[in-house]
Amino acid sequence: MADNSGEYRAHLATYNSFNKLVLFMILWIVLLLSSMALGLIGGVHLLSLLLGIGGTVALLIAFAVLS
């Protein structure tokens, strides 16, 4: 029974890590698409560049600190 408990904990840790990775990718893709829309359609090139770079750094820091 102890072996199953260890496997369950390992599986749960992997599942949580995968969920964090998927959430990060969804947020990063939304950030990328919104930055591209601001730059290409909105005509606010410098703001979209700063939003894209700053948002990416903020996402990386947030996921590094929270995990």
C-alpha atoms as a PDB file:
ATOM      1  CA  MET A   1       0.000   0.000   0.000  1.00  0.00           C
ATOM      2  CA  ALA A   2       2.904   2.345   0.652  1.00  0.00           C
ATOM      3  CA  ASP A   3       4.036   1.971  -2.949  1.00  0.00           C
ATOM      4  CA  ASN A   4       0.660   3.106  -4.265  1.00  0.00           C
ATOM      5  CA  SER A   5       0.740   6.136  -1.981  1.00  0.00           C
ATOM      6  CA  GLY A   6       4.131   7.173  -3.344  1.00  0.00           C
ATOM      7  CA  GLU A   7       2.959   6.699  -6.917  1.00  0.00           C
ATOM      8  CA  TYR A   8      -0.136   8.764  -6.202  1.00  0.00           C
ATOM      9  CA  ARG A   9       1.924  11.624  -4.754  1.00  0.00           C
ATOM     10  CA  ALA A  10       4.277  11.527  -7.746  1.00  0.00           C
ATOM     11  CA  HIS A  11       1.350  11.524 -10.142  1.00  0.00           C
ATOM     12  CA  LEU A  12      -0.298  14.420  -8.300  1.00  0.00           C
ATOM     13  CA  ALA A  13       2.915  16.461  -8.417  1.00  0.00           C
ATOM     14  CA  THR A  14       3.266  15.815 -12.146  1.00  0.00           C
ATOM     15  CA  TYR A  15      -0.376  16.719 -12.727  1.00  0.00           C
ATOM     16  CA  ASN A  16      -0.025  20.009 -10.845  1.00  0.00           C
ATOM     17  CA  SER A  17       3.168  20.885 -12.723  1.00  0.00           C
ATOM     18  CA  PHE A  18       1.495  20.181 -16.041  1.00  0.00           C
ATOM     19  CA  ASN A  19      -1.494  22.340 -15.066  1.00  0.00           C
ATOM     20  CA  LYS A  20       0.839  25.240 -14.236  1.00  0.00           C
ATOM     21  CA  LEU A  21       2.611  24.831 -17.565  1.00  0.00           C
ATOM     22  CA  VAL A  22      -0.661  24.833 -19.501  1.00  0.00           C
ATOM     23  CA  LEU A  23      -1.919  27.896 -17.602  1.00  0.00           C
ATOM     24  CA  PHE A  24       1.354  29.723 -18.300  1.00  0.00           C
ATOM     25  CA  MET A  25       1.159  28.944 -22.009  1.00  0.00           C
ATOM     26  CA  ILE A  26      -2.472  30.060 -22.273  1.00  0.00           C
ATOM     27  CA  LEU A  27      -1.704  33.353 -20.523  1.00  0.00           C
ATOM     28  CA  TRP A  28       1.422  33.905 -22.624  1.00  0.00           C
ATOM     29  CA  ILE A  29      -0.431  33.255 -25.895  1.00  0.00           C
ATOM     30  CA  VAL A  30      -3.180  35.701 -24.886  1.00  0.00           C
ATOM     31  CA  LEU A  31      -0.516  38.278 -24.021  1.00  0.00           C
ATOM     32  CA  LEU A  32       1.248  37.700 -27.337  1.00  0.00           C
ATOM     33  CA  LEU A  33      -1.939  38.004 -29.365  1.00  0.00           C
ATOM     34  CA  SER A  34      -3.029  41.160 -27.565  1.00  0.00           C
ATOM     35  CA  SER A  35       0.393  42.730 -28.089  1.00  0.00           C
ATOM     36  CA  MET A  36       0.288  41.843 -31.770  1.00  0.00           C
ATOM     37  CA  ALA A  37      -3.204  43.311 -32.088  1.00  0.00           C
ATOM     38  CA  LEU A  38      -2.112  46.555 -30.450  1.00  0.00           C
ATOM     39  CA  GLY A  39       0.946  46.802 -32.650  1.00  0.00           C
ATOM     40  CA  LEU A  40      -0.548  45.810 -35.992  1.00  0.00           C
ATOM     41  CA  ILE A  41      -4.154  46.961 -35.831  1.00  0.00           C
ATOM     42  CA  GLY A  42      -4.050  49.589 -33.096  1.00  0.00           C
ATOM     43  CA  GLY A  43      -0.931  51.328 -34.365  1.00  0.00           C
ATOM     44  CA  VAL A  44       0.551  51.631 -30.872  1.00  0.00           C
ATOM     45  CA  HIS A  45       3.865  49.975 -31.691  1.00  0.00           C
ATOM     46  CA  LEU A  46       6.011  51.052 -28.760  1.00  0.00           C
ATOM     47  CA  LEU A  47       3.308  50.332 -26.180  1.00  0.00           C
ATOM     48  CA  SER A  48       2.713  46.878 -27.614  1.00  0.00           C
ATOM     49  CA  LEU A  49       6.439  46.107 -27.536  1.00  0.00           C
ATOM     50  CA  LEU A  50       6.719  47.196 -23.913  1.00  0.00           C
ATOM     51  CA  LEU A  51       3.559  45.286 -22.996  1.00  0.00           C
ATOM     52  CA  GLY A  52       4.847  42.141 -24.667  1.00  0.00           C
ATOM     53  CA  ILE A  53       8.293  42.216 -23.094  1.00  0.00           C
ATOM     54  CA  GLY A  54       7.119  43.436 -19.695  1.00  0.00           C
ATOM     55  CA  GLY A  55       4.226  40.996 -19.603  1.00  0.00           C
ATOM     56  CA  THR A  56       6.468  38.073 -20.494  1.00  0.00           C
ATOM     57  CA  VAL A  57       8.937  38.989 -17.759  1.00  0.00           C
ATOM     58  CA  ALA A  58       6.095  39.462 -15.283  1.00  0.00           C
ATOM     59  CA  LEU A  59       4.617  36.056 -16.167  1.00  0.00           C
ATOM     60  CA  LEU A  60       7.998  34.354 -15.782  1.00  0.00           C
ATOM     61  CA  ILE A  61       8.612  35.992 -12.413  1.00  0.00           C
ATOM     62  CA  ALA A  62       5.094  35.264 -11.164  1.00  0.00           C
ATOM     63  CA  PHE A  63       5.258  31.600 -12.083  1.00  0.00           C
ATOM     64  CA  ALA A  64       8.775  31.247 -10.689  1.00  0.00           C
ATOM     65  CA  VAL A  65       7.805  32.829  -7.357  1.00  0.00           C
ATOM     66  CA  LEU A  66       4.412  31.129  -6.989  1.00  0.00           C
ATOM     67  CA  SER A  67       5.651  27.624  -7.759  1.00  0.00           C
END
